[in-house]
Protein backbone atom coordinates (compact mmCIF):
# COMPACT_ATOMS: atom_id res chain seq x y z
CA UNK A 1 17.48 -18.72 -18.14
CA UNK A 2 19.44 -20.07 -15.57
CA UNK A 3 17.69 -20.95 -12.51
CA UNK A 4 18.71 -22.31 -8.79
CA UNK A 5 17.02 -22.76 -5.54
CA UNK A 6 19.02 -21.42 -2.97
CA UNK A 7 18.47 -23.07 0.85
CA UNK A 8 20.14 -20.90 3.35
CA UNK A 9 20.56 -21.24 7.10
CA UNK A 10 20.78 -18.34 9.16
CA UNK A 11 21.73 -17.53 12.49
CA UNK A 12 18.96 -17.52 15.20
CA UNK A 13 16.82 -14.28 15.06
CA UNK A 14 18.15 -13.08 11.89
CA UNK A 15 15.55 -14.67 9.56
CA UNK A 16 13.79 -11.76 8.58
CA UNK A 17 16.86 -9.30 8.07
CA UNK A 18 18.21 -11.85 5.95
CA UNK A 19 14.75 -12.51 3.91
CA UNK A 20 14.66 -9.00 3.13
CA UNK A 21 18.48 -8.62 1.93
CA UNK A 22 18.25 -11.53 0.12
CA UNK A 23 14.81 -10.28 -1.83
CA UNK A 24 16.56 -7.29 -3.38
CA UNK A 25 19.21 -9.06 -5.00
CA UNK A 26 19.48 -9.40 -8.67
CA UNK A 27 17.30 -12.10 -10.54
CA UNK A 28 15.51 -13.26 -6.94
CA UNK A 29 12.47 -14.37 -7.69
CA UNK A 30 11.28 -15.41 -4.20
CA UNK A 31 12.50 -15.84 -0.47
CA UNK A 32 10.36 -17.58 1.71
CA UNK A 33 11.22 -18.67 5.50
CA UNK A 34 10.39 -22.55 5.79
CA UNK A 35 10.65 -25.49 7.73
CA UNK A 36 12.56 -28.67 8.14
CA UNK A 37 16.28 -28.67 7.58
CA UNK A 38 16.88 -25.07 6.10
CA UNK A 39 15.63 -21.68 7.54
CA UNK A 40 14.95 -19.83 4.03
CA UNK A 41 14.58 -21.10 0.66
CA UNK A 42 15.22 -18.81 -2.45
CA UNK A 43 14.54 -18.68 -6.42
CA UNK A 44 16.95 -17.26 -8.56
CA UNK A 45 16.12 -16.89 -12.27
CA UNK A 46 18.94 -14.75 -13.99
CA UNK A 47 21.10 -14.90 -17.49
CA UNK A 48 23.81 -15.38 -18.05
CA UNK A 49 24.99 -18.57 -15.73
CA UNK A 50 28.21 -15.82 -15.02
CA UNK A 51 25.78 -13.68 -13.37
CA UNK A 52 24.17 -16.51 -11.36
CA UNK A 53 27.63 -17.40 -9.91
CA UNK A 54 27.78 -13.33 -9.02
CA UNK A 55 24.65 -13.20 -6.94
CA UNK A 56 24.99 -16.53 -5.39
CA UNK A 57 28.60 -15.38 -4.12
CA UNK A 58 26.48 -12.03 -2.78
CA UNK A 59 24.09 -14.38 -0.85
CA UNK A 60 26.62 -16.13 1.09
CA UNK A 61 28.22 -12.54 1.91
CA UNK A 62 25.04 -11.32 3.79
CA UNK A 63 24.93 -10.80 7.10
CA UNK A 64 23.43 -13.58 9.54
CA UNK A 65 23.75 -16.54 6.69
CA UNK A 66 25.17 -19.44 8.31
CA UNK A 67 25.49 -21.54 5.12
CA UNK A 68 24.04 -22.16 2.05
CA UNK A 69 23.22 -25.34 -0.55
CA UNK A 70 22.50 -24.27 -4.35
CA UNK A 71 20.63 -26.69 -6.41
CA UNK A 72 20.25 -25.93 -10.02
CA UNK A 73 17.10 -26.49 -11.97
CA UNK A 74 17.90 -28.65 -15.17
CA UNK A 75 14.54 -29.05 -16.55
């Protein structure tokens, strides 16, 4: 199954609502608030690859998200 980590940057005060919205998407294994360069980190585990791309597109449309960075797991 394709897996990807998605680093998410949100507008201030939107962390909890974005975390909740992301946790309800198909294939979402976890969403955590983190410190550092990004506000949230999420793990997607979904098949087929085309579905992964579709969910990443859904993530980008969630209200409160400023930007995302998606990293595919290769091993």
